[in-house]
Amino acid sequence: EPPVYLFPDSQHYVTLAKVQNYLENLLLNKD
């Protein structure tokens, strides 16, 4: 089940930052 957060809007931005950070690192480590 998708997680339910007390402050969903702010959590979305945290999740967005996680996705961005991870994908940028993945591009740098594509090997």
Full PDB file with SEQRES, HELIX, SHEET, SSBOND, CRYST1, ORIGX, SCALE, CONECT and MASTER records, all heavy atoms in Angstrom:
SEQRES   1 A   31  GLU PRO PRO VAL TYR LEU PHE PRO ASP SER GLN HIS TYR          
SEQRES   2 A   31  VAL THR LEU ALA LYS VAL GLN ASN TYR LEU GLU ASN LEU          
SEQRES   3 A   31  LEU LEU ASN LYS ASP                                          
HELIX    1 AA1 PRO A    8  LEU A   28  1                                  21    
CRYST1    1.000    1.000    1.000  90.00  90.00  90.00 P 1           1          
ORIGX1      1.000000  0.000000  0.000000        0.00000                         
ORIGX2      0.000000  1.000000  0.000000        0.00000                         
ORIGX3      0.000000  0.000000  1.000000        0.00000                         
SCALE1      1.000000  0.000000  0.000000        0.00000                         
SCALE2      0.000000  1.000000  0.000000        0.00000                         
SCALE3      0.000000  0.000000  1.000000        0.00000                         
ATOM      1  N   GLU A   1       0.853  -1.178   0.000  1.00  0.00           N  
ATOM      2  CA  GLU A   1       0.000   0.000   0.000  1.00  0.00           C  
ATOM      3  C   GLU A   1       0.891   1.230   0.000  1.00  0.00           C  
ATOM      4  O   GLU A   1       1.900   1.272   0.697  1.00  0.00           O  
ATOM      5  CB  GLU A   1      -0.878   0.020   1.261  1.00  0.00           C  
ATOM      6  CG  GLU A   1      -1.972  -1.021   1.260  1.00  0.00           C  
ATOM      7  CD  GLU A   1      -3.008  -0.755   0.182  1.00  0.00           C  
ATOM      8  OE1 GLU A   1      -3.428   0.418   0.021  1.00  0.00           O  
ATOM      9  OE2 GLU A   1      -3.384  -1.720  -0.504  1.00  0.00           O  
ATOM     10  N   PRO A   2       0.526   2.227  -0.794  1.00  0.00           N  
ATOM     11  CA  PRO A   2       1.313   3.454  -0.746  1.00  0.00           C  
ATOM     12  C   PRO A   2       1.275   4.036   0.667  1.00  0.00           C  
ATOM     13  O   PRO A   2       0.256   3.953   1.355  1.00  0.00           O  
ATOM     14  CB  PRO A   2       0.605   4.387  -1.724  1.00  0.00           C  
ATOM     15  CG  PRO A   2      -0.229   3.500  -2.581  1.00  0.00           C  
ATOM     16  CD  PRO A   2      -0.549   2.296  -1.749  1.00  0.00           C  
ATOM     17  N   PRO A   3       2.373   4.607   1.128  1.00  0.00           N  
ATOM     18  CA  PRO A   3       2.394   5.157   2.479  1.00  0.00           C  
ATOM     19  C   PRO A   3       1.473   6.368   2.608  1.00  0.00           C  
ATOM     20  O   PRO A   3       1.248   7.101   1.642  1.00  0.00           O  
ATOM     21  CB  PRO A   3       3.857   5.567   2.674  1.00  0.00           C  
ATOM     22  CG  PRO A   3       4.430   5.672   1.311  1.00  0.00           C  
ATOM     23  CD  PRO A   3       3.620   4.790   0.421  1.00  0.00           C  
ATOM     24  N   VAL A   4       0.926   6.531   3.785  1.00  0.00           N  
ATOM     25  CA  VAL A   4       0.094   7.699   4.075  1.00  0.00           C  
ATOM     26  C   VAL A   4       0.892   8.588   5.026  1.00  0.00           C  
ATOM     27  O   VAL A   4       1.352   8.136   6.073  1.00  0.00           O  
ATOM     28  CB  VAL A   4      -1.255   7.281   4.725  1.00  0.00           C  
ATOM     29  CG1 VAL A   4      -2.093   8.495   5.061  1.00  0.00           C  
ATOM     30  CG2 VAL A   4      -2.005   6.330   3.807  1.00  0.00           C  
ATOM     31  N   TYR A   5       1.055   9.847   4.630  1.00  0.00           N  
ATOM     32  CA  TYR A   5       1.864  10.774   5.409  1.00  0.00           C  
ATOM     33  C   TYR A   5       0.991  11.823   6.068  1.00  0.00           C  
ATOM     34  O   TYR A   5      -0.051  12.207   5.541  1.00  0.00           O  
ATOM     35  CB  TYR A   5       2.903  11.451   4.511  1.00  0.00           C  
ATOM     36  CG  TYR A   5       3.872  10.485   3.891  1.00  0.00           C  
ATOM     37  CD1 TYR A   5       3.766  10.129   2.552  1.00  0.00           C  
ATOM     38  CD2 TYR A   5       4.881   9.904   4.648  1.00  0.00           C  
ATOM     39  CE1 TYR A   5       4.654   9.229   1.988  1.00  0.00           C  
ATOM     40  CE2 TYR A   5       5.771   9.006   4.085  1.00  0.00           C  
ATOM     41  CZ  TYR A   5       5.652   8.671   2.760  1.00  0.00           C  
ATOM     42  OH  TYR A   5       6.521   7.778   2.199  1.00  0.00           O  
ATOM     43  N   LEU A   6       1.459  12.305   7.203  1.00  0.00           N  
ATOM     44  CA  LEU A   6       0.755  13.345   7.938  1.00  0.00           C  
ATOM     45  C   LEU A   6       0.740  14.647   7.135  1.00  0.00           C  
ATOM     46  O   LEU A   6      -0.256  15.358   7.113  1.00  0.00           O  
ATOM     47  CB  LEU A   6       1.427  13.562   9.305  1.00  0.00           C  
ATOM     48  CG  LEU A   6       0.711  14.463  10.289  1.00  0.00           C  
ATOM     49  CD1 LEU A   6      -0.713  13.974  10.534  1.00  0.00           C  
ATOM     50  CD2 LEU A   6       1.477  14.498  11.601  1.00  0.00           C  
ATOM     51  N   PHE A   7       1.847  14.933   6.459  1.00  0.00           N  
ATOM     52  CA  PHE A   7       1.952  16.126   5.617  1.00  0.00           C  
ATOM     53  C   PHE A   7       2.311  15.682   4.195  1.00  0.00           C  
ATOM     54  O   PHE A   7       3.471  15.733   3.790  1.00  0.00           O  
ATOM     55  CB  PHE A   7       3.027  17.076   6.161  1.00  0.00           C  
ATOM     56  CG  PHE A   7       2.755  17.516   7.569  1.00  0.00           C  
ATOM     57  CD1 PHE A   7       3.453  16.956   8.636  1.00  0.00           C  
ATOM     58  CD2 PHE A   7       1.787  18.464   7.832  1.00  0.00           C  
ATOM     59  CE1 PHE A   7       3.195  17.344   9.932  1.00  0.00           C  
ATOM     60  CE2 PHE A   7       1.520  18.875   9.132  1.00  0.00           C  
ATOM     61  CZ  PHE A   7       2.222  18.301  10.185  1.00  0.00           C  
ATOM     62  N   PRO A   8       1.303  15.238   3.437  1.00  0.00           N  
ATOM     63  CA  PRO A   8       1.597  14.641   2.135  1.00  0.00           C  
ATOM     64  C   PRO A   8       2.303  15.581   1.153  1.00  0.00           C  
ATOM     65  O   PRO A   8       3.184  15.155   0.416  1.00  0.00           O  
ATOM     66  CB  PRO A   8       0.234  14.209   1.601  1.00  0.00           C  
ATOM     67  CG  PRO A   8      -0.778  14.813   2.476  1.00  0.00           C  
ATOM     68  CD  PRO A   8      -0.114  15.243   3.737  1.00  0.00           C  
ATOM     69  N   ASP A   9       1.932  16.861   1.140  1.00  0.00           N  
ATOM     70  CA  ASP A   9       2.555  17.776   0.179  1.00  0.00           C  
ATOM     71  C   ASP A   9       4.051  17.917   0.416  1.00  0.00           C  
ATOM     72  O   ASP A   9       4.847  17.845  -0.513  1.00  0.00           O  
ATOM     73  CB  ASP A   9       1.885  19.156   0.224  1.00  0.00           C  
ATOM     74  CG  ASP A   9       0.491  19.122  -0.392  1.00  0.00           C  
ATOM     75  OD1 ASP A   9       0.230  18.218  -1.207  1.00  0.00           O  
ATOM     76  OD2 ASP A   9      -0.321  19.994  -0.053  1.00  0.00           O  
ATOM     77  N   SER A  10       4.443  18.111   1.665  1.00  0.00           N  
ATOM     78  CA  SER A  10       5.874  18.251   1.942  1.00  0.00           C  
ATOM     79  C   SER A  10       6.604  16.921   1.709  1.00  0.00           C  
ATOM     80  O   SER A  10       7.746  16.905   1.246  1.00  0.00           O  
ATOM     81  CB  SER A  10       6.120  18.766   3.360  1.00  0.00           C  
ATOM     82  OG  SER A  10       5.545  17.898   4.304  1.00  0.00           O  
ATOM     83  N   GLN A  11       5.938  15.806   1.967  1.00  0.00           N  
ATOM     84  CA  GLN A  11       6.559  14.503   1.731  1.00  0.00           C  
ATOM     85  C   GLN A  11       6.785  14.262   0.242  1.00  0.00           C  
ATOM     86  O   GLN A  11       7.771  13.646  -0.154  1.00  0.00           O  
ATOM     87  CB  GLN A  11       5.708  13.371   2.322  1.00  0.00           C  
ATOM     88  CG  GLN A  11       6.339  12.010   2.178  1.00  0.00           C  
ATOM     89  CD  GLN A  11       7.720  11.904   2.821  1.00  0.00           C  
ATOM     90  OE1 GLN A  11       7.930  12.409   3.918  1.00  0.00           O  
ATOM     91  NE2 GLN A  11       8.660  11.276   2.142  1.00  0.00           N  
ATOM     92  N   HIS A  12       5.891  14.769  -0.583  1.00  0.00           N  
ATOM     93  CA  HIS A  12       6.077  14.621  -2.030  1.00  0.00           C  
ATOM     94  C   HIS A  12       7.368  15.288  -2.482  1.00  0.00           C  
ATOM     95  O   HIS A  12       8.092  14.755  -3.323  1.00  0.00           O  
ATOM     96  CB  HIS A  12       4.895  15.212  -2.797  1.00  0.00           C  
ATOM     97  CG  HIS A  12       3.624  14.451  -2.619  1.00  0.00           C  
ATOM     98  ND1 HIS A  12       3.542  13.081  -2.675  1.00  0.00           N  
ATOM     99  CD2 HIS A  12       2.366  14.879  -2.377  1.00  0.00           C  
ATOM    100  CE1 HIS A  12       2.302  12.692  -2.478  1.00  0.00           C  
ATOM    101  NE2 HIS A  12       1.566  13.765  -2.284  1.00  0.00           N  
ATOM    102  N   TYR A  13       7.665  16.441  -1.926  1.00  0.00           N  
ATOM    103  CA  TYR A  13       8.895  17.129  -2.310  1.00  0.00           C  
ATOM    104  C   TYR A  13      10.140  16.397  -1.794  1.00  0.00           C  
ATOM    105  O   TYR A  13      11.167  16.378  -2.465  1.00  0.00           O  
ATOM    106  CB  TYR A  13       8.866  18.589  -1.850  1.00  0.00           C  
ATOM    107  CG  TYR A  13       7.856  19.382  -2.642  1.00  0.00           C  
ATOM    108  CD1 TYR A  13       6.726  19.907  -2.029  1.00  0.00           C  
ATOM    109  CD2 TYR A  13       8.017  19.568  -4.012  1.00  0.00           C  
ATOM    110  CE1 TYR A  13       5.792  20.616  -2.758  1.00  0.00           C  
ATOM    111  CE2 TYR A  13       7.080  20.273  -4.745  1.00  0.00           C  
ATOM    112  CZ  TYR A  13       5.972  20.799  -4.119  1.00  0.00           C  
ATOM    113  OH  TYR A  13       5.049  21.486  -4.849  1.00  0.00           O  
ATOM    114  N   VAL A  14      10.021  15.784  -0.636  1.00  0.00           N  
ATOM    115  CA  VAL A  14      11.129  14.976  -0.126  1.00  0.00           C  
ATOM    116  C   VAL A  14      11.333  13.767  -1.046  1.00  0.00           C  
ATOM    117  O   VAL A  14      12.463  13.449  -1.428  1.00  0.00           O  
ATOM    118  CB  VAL A  14      10.872  14.523   1.335  1.00  0.00           C  
ATOM    119  CG1 VAL A  14      11.901  13.498   1.776  1.00  0.00           C  
ATOM    120  CG2 VAL A  14      10.862  15.719   2.264  1.00  0.00           C  
ATOM    121  N   THR A  15      10.247  13.117  -1.412  1.00  0.00           N  
ATOM    122  CA  THR A  15      10.330  11.969  -2.319  1.00  0.00           C  
ATOM    123  C   THR A  15      10.895  12.395  -3.665  1.00  0.00           C  
ATOM    124  O   THR A  15      11.744  11.713  -4.243  1.00  0.00           O  
ATOM    125  CB  THR A  15       8.938  11.320  -2.497  1.00  0.00           C  
ATOM    126  OG1 THR A  15       8.456  10.901  -1.222  1.00  0.00           O  
ATOM    127  CG2 THR A  15       8.996  10.138  -3.444  1.00  0.00           C  
ATOM    128  N   LEU A  16      10.442  13.529  -4.160  1.00  0.00           N  
ATOM    129  CA  LEU A  16      10.951  14.064  -5.423  1.00  0.00           C  
ATOM    130  C   LEU A  16      12.458  14.294  -5.343  1.00  0.00           C  
ATOM    131  O   LEU A  16      13.196  13.964  -6.271  1.00  0.00           O  
ATOM    132  CB  LEU A  16      10.233  15.376  -5.712  1.00  0.00           C  
ATOM    133  CG  LEU A  16      10.033  15.805  -7.146  1.00  0.00           C  
ATOM    134  CD1 LEU A  16       9.339  14.724  -7.937  1.00  0.00           C  
ATOM    135  CD2 LEU A  16       9.246  17.096  -7.179  1.00  0.00           C  
ATOM    136  N   ALA A  17      12.916  14.833  -4.223  1.00  0.00           N  
ATOM    137  CA  ALA A  17      14.351  15.065  -4.028  1.00  0.00           C  
ATOM    138  C   ALA A  17      15.110  13.731  -3.998  1.00  0.00           C  
ATOM    139  O   ALA A  17      16.204  13.625  -4.552  1.00  0.00           O  
ATOM    140  CB  ALA A  17      14.588  15.844  -2.738  1.00  0.00           C  
ATOM    141  N   LYS A  18      14.516  12.705  -3.381  1.00  0.00           N  
ATOM    142  CA  LYS A  18      15.148  11.376  -3.357  1.00  0.00           C  
ATOM    143  C   LYS A  18      15.284  10.818  -4.775  1.00  0.00           C  
ATOM    144  O   LYS A  18      16.332  10.301  -5.140  1.00  0.00           O  
ATOM    145  CB  LYS A  18      14.321  10.390  -2.519  1.00  0.00           C  
ATOM    146  CG  LYS A  18      14.400  10.582  -1.043  1.00  0.00           C  
ATOM    147  CD  LYS A  18      13.533   9.515  -0.384  1.00  0.00           C  
ATOM    148  CE  LYS A  18      13.348   9.734   1.085  1.00  0.00           C  
ATOM    149  NZ  LYS A  18      12.423   8.725   1.654  1.00  0.00           N  
ATOM    150  N   VAL A  19      14.214  10.932  -5.536  1.00  0.00           N  
ATOM    151  CA  VAL A  19      14.230  10.419  -6.906  1.00  0.00           C  
ATOM    152  C   VAL A  19      15.293  11.160  -7.719  1.00  0.00           C  
ATOM    153  O   VAL A  19      16.114  10.543  -8.407  1.00  0.00           O  
ATOM    154  CB  VAL A  19      12.840  10.551  -7.577  1.00  0.00           C  
ATOM    155  CG1 VAL A  19      12.911  10.195  -9.059  1.00  0.00           C  
ATOM    156  CG2 VAL A  19      11.806   9.686  -6.875  1.00  0.00           C  
ATOM    157  N   GLN A  20      15.289  12.486  -7.623  1.00  0.00           N  
ATOM    158  CA  GLN A  20      16.257  13.271  -8.380  1.00  0.00           C  
ATOM    159  C   GLN A  20      17.689  12.912  -7.993  1.00  0.00           C  
ATOM    160  O   GLN A  20      18.536  12.670  -8.859  1.00  0.00           O  
ATOM    161  CB  GLN A  20      16.013  14.762  -8.161  1.00  0.00           C  
ATOM    162  CG  GLN A  20      16.965  15.631  -8.952  1.00  0.00           C  
ATOM    163  CD  GLN A  20      16.689  17.102  -8.771  1.00  0.00           C  
ATOM    164  OE1 GLN A  20      15.916  17.512  -7.895  1.00  0.00           O  
ATOM    165  NE2 GLN A  20      17.312  17.923  -9.597  1.00  0.00           N  
ATOM    166  N   ASN A  21      17.962  12.852  -6.698  1.00  0.00           N  
ATOM    167  CA  ASN A  21      19.297  12.532  -6.220  1.00  0.00           C  
ATOM    168  C   ASN A  21      19.741  11.154  -6.710  1.00  0.00           C  
ATOM    169  O   ASN A  21      20.856  10.979  -7.196  1.00  0.00           O  
ATOM    170  CB  ASN A  21      19.314  12.612  -4.688  1.00  0.00           C  
ATOM    171  CG  ASN A  21      20.669  12.360  -4.097  1.00  0.00           C  
ATOM    172  OD1 ASN A  21      21.146  11.233  -4.097  1.00  0.00           O  
ATOM    173  ND2 ASN A  21      21.284  13.403  -3.571  1.00  0.00           N  
ATOM    174  N   TYR A  22      18.853  10.182  -6.585  1.00  0.00           N  
ATOM    175  CA  TYR A  22      19.199   8.812  -6.967  1.00  0.00           C  
ATOM    176  C   TYR A  22      19.442   8.704  -8.467  1.00  0.00           C  
ATOM    177  O   TYR A  22      20.407   8.079  -8.907  1.00  0.00           O  
ATOM    178  CB  TYR A  22      18.106   7.835  -6.522  1.00  0.00           C  
ATOM    179  CG  TYR A  22      18.544   6.393  -6.623  1.00  0.00           C  
ATOM    180  CD1 TYR A  22      19.476   5.872  -5.742  1.00  0.00           C  
ATOM    181  CD2 TYR A  22      18.040   5.567  -7.609  1.00  0.00           C  
ATOM    182  CE1 TYR A  22      19.895   4.550  -5.828  1.00  0.00           C  
ATOM    183  CE2 TYR A  22      18.444   4.243  -7.710  1.00  0.00           C  
ATOM    184  CZ  TYR A  22      19.373   3.744  -6.809  1.00  0.00           C  
ATOM    185  OH  TYR A  22      19.789   2.436  -6.926  1.00  0.00           O  
ATOM    186  N   LEU A  23      18.587   9.323  -9.269  1.00  0.00           N  
ATOM    187  CA  LEU A  23      18.739   9.218 -10.719  1.00  0.00           C  
ATOM    188  C   LEU A  23      19.981   9.957 -11.209  1.00  0.00           C  
ATOM    189  O   LEU A  23      20.652   9.497 -12.138  1.00  0.00           O  
ATOM    190  CB  LEU A  23      17.484   9.729 -11.429  1.00  0.00           C  
ATOM    191  CG  LEU A  23      16.211   8.915 -11.184  1.00  0.00           C  
ATOM    192  CD1 LEU A  23      15.054   9.477 -12.006  1.00  0.00           C  
ATOM    193  CD2 LEU A  23      16.419   7.439 -11.474  1.00  0.00           C  
ATOM    194  N   GLU A  24      20.295  11.080 -10.603  1.00  0.00           N  
ATOM    195  CA  GLU A  24      21.530  11.787 -10.969  1.00  0.00           C  
ATOM    196  C   GLU A  24      22.747  10.919 -10.647  1.00  0.00           C  
ATOM    197  O   GLU A  24      23.688  10.828 -11.442  1.00  0.00           O  
ATOM    198  CB  GLU A  24      21.617  13.131 -10.252  1.00  0.00           C  
ATOM    199  CG  GLU A  24      20.660  14.174 -10.826  1.00  0.00           C  
ATOM    200  CD  GLU A  24      20.569  15.454  -9.998  1.00  0.00           C  
ATOM    201  OE1 GLU A  24      21.069  15.477  -8.842  1.00  0.00           O  
ATOM    202  OE2 GLU A  24      19.994  16.431 -10.507  1.00  0.00           O  
ATOM    203  N   ASN A  25      22.725  10.265  -9.483  1.00  0.00           N  
ATOM    204  CA  ASN A  25      23.820   9.357  -9.119  1.00  0.00           C  
ATOM    205  C   ASN A  25      23.880   8.143 -10.050  1.00  0.00           C  
ATOM    206  O   ASN A  25      24.960   7.661 -10.384  1.00  0.00           O  
ATOM    207  CB  ASN A  25      23.696   8.891  -7.668  1.00  0.00           C  
ATOM    208  CG  ASN A  25      24.086   9.963  -6.695  1.00  0.00           C  
ATOM    209  OD1 ASN A  25      24.863  10.854  -7.015  1.00  0.00           O  
ATOM    210  ND2 ASN A  25      23.540   9.897  -5.496  1.00  0.00           N  
ATOM    211  N   LEU A  26      22.717   7.671 -10.453  1.00  0.00           N  
ATOM    212  CA  LEU A  26      22.664   6.523 -11.363  1.00  0.00           C  
ATOM    213  C   LEU A  26      23.284   6.877 -12.717  1.00  0.00           C  
ATOM    214  O   LEU A  26      24.014   6.067 -13.300  1.00  0.00           O  
ATOM    215  CB  LEU A  26      21.226   6.043 -11.523  1.00  0.00           C  
ATOM    216  CG  LEU A  26      20.970   4.740 -12.261  1.00  0.00           C  
ATOM    217  CD1 LEU A  26      21.821   3.603 -11.708  1.00  0.00           C  
ATOM    218  CD2 LEU A  26      19.508   4.373 -12.195  1.00  0.00           C  
ATOM    219  N   LEU A  27      23.020   8.083 -13.194  1.00  0.00           N  
ATOM    220  CA  LEU A  27      23.654   8.516 -14.447  1.00  0.00           C  
ATOM    221  C   LEU A  27      25.167   8.586 -14.309  1.00  0.00           C  
ATOM    222  O   LEU A  27      25.902   8.228 -15.222  1.00  0.00           O  
ATOM    223  CB  LEU A  27      23.123   9.881 -14.879  1.00  0.00           C  
ATOM    224  CG  LEU A  27      21.840   9.897 -15.682  1.00  0.00           C  
ATOM    225  CD1 LEU A  27      21.439  11.330 -16.022  1.00  0.00           C  
ATOM    226  CD2 LEU A  27      21.945   9.071 -16.943  1.00  0.00           C  
ATOM    227  N   LEU A  28      25.625   9.056 -13.157  1.00  0.00           N  
ATOM    228  CA  LEU A  28      27.071   9.143 -12.925  1.00  0.00           C  
ATOM    229  C   LEU A  28      27.714   7.762 -12.777  1.00  0.00           C  
ATOM    230  O   LEU A  28      28.902   7.596 -13.028  1.00  0.00           O  
ATOM    231  CB  LEU A  28      27.364   9.977 -11.672  1.00  0.00           C  
ATOM    232  CG  LEU A  28      27.010  11.464 -11.774  1.00  0.00           C  
ATOM    233  CD1 LEU A  28      27.191  12.142 -10.420  1.00  0.00           C  
ATOM    234  CD2 LEU A  28      27.844  12.146 -12.845  1.00  0.00           C  
ATOM    235  N   ASN A  29      26.928   6.790 -12.328  1.00  0.00           N  
ATOM    236  CA  ASN A  29      27.436   5.422 -12.101  1.00  0.00           C  
ATOM    237  C   ASN A  29      26.796   4.432 -13.069  1.00  0.00           C  
ATOM    238  O   ASN A  29      26.488   3.294 -12.692  1.00  0.00           O  
ATOM    239  CB  ASN A  29      27.151   5.000 -10.655  1.00  0.00           C  
ATOM    240  CG  ASN A  29      27.911   5.830  -9.674  1.00  0.00           C  
ATOM    241  OD1 ASN A  29      29.120   5.710  -9.567  1.00  0.00           O  
ATOM    242  ND2 ASN A  29      27.207   6.709  -8.959  1.00  0.00           N  
ATOM    243  N   LYS A  30      26.611   4.834 -14.322  1.00  0.00           N  
ATOM    244  CA  LYS A  30      25.912   3.979 -15.290  1.00  0.00           C  
ATOM    245  C   LYS A  30      26.654   2.675 -15.557  1.00  0.00           C  
ATOM    246  O   LYS A  30      26.053   1.699 -16.010  1.00  0.00           O  
ATOM    247  CB  LYS A  30      25.660   4.726 -16.580  1.00  0.00           C  
ATOM    248  CG  LYS A  30      26.878   5.214 -17.288  1.00  0.00           C  
ATOM    249  CD  LYS A  30      26.530   6.088 -18.463  1.00  0.00           C  
ATOM    250  CE  LYS A  30      27.802   6.691 -19.036  1.00  0.00           C  
ATOM    251  NZ  LYS A  30      27.528   7.791 -19.893  1.00  0.00           N  
ATOM    252  N   ASP A  31      27.936   2.616 -15.213  1.00  0.00           N  
ATOM    253  CA  ASP A  31      28.683   1.357 -15.361  1.00  0.00           C  
ATOM    254  C   ASP A  31      28.126   0.274 -14.452  1.00  0.00           C  
ATOM    255  O   ASP A  31      28.274  -0.920 -14.719  1.00  0.00           O  
ATOM    256  CB  ASP A  31      30.171   1.567 -15.099  1.00  0.00           C  
ATOM    257  CG  ASP A  31      30.452   2.106 -13.711  1.00  0.00           C  
ATOM    258  OD1 ASP A  31      29.742   3.046 -13.275  1.00  0.00           O  
ATOM    259  OD2 ASP A  31      31.374   1.599 -13.059  1.00  0.00           O  
TER     260      ASP A  31                                                      
MASTER        0    0    0    1    0    0    0    6  259    1    0    3          
END                                                                             
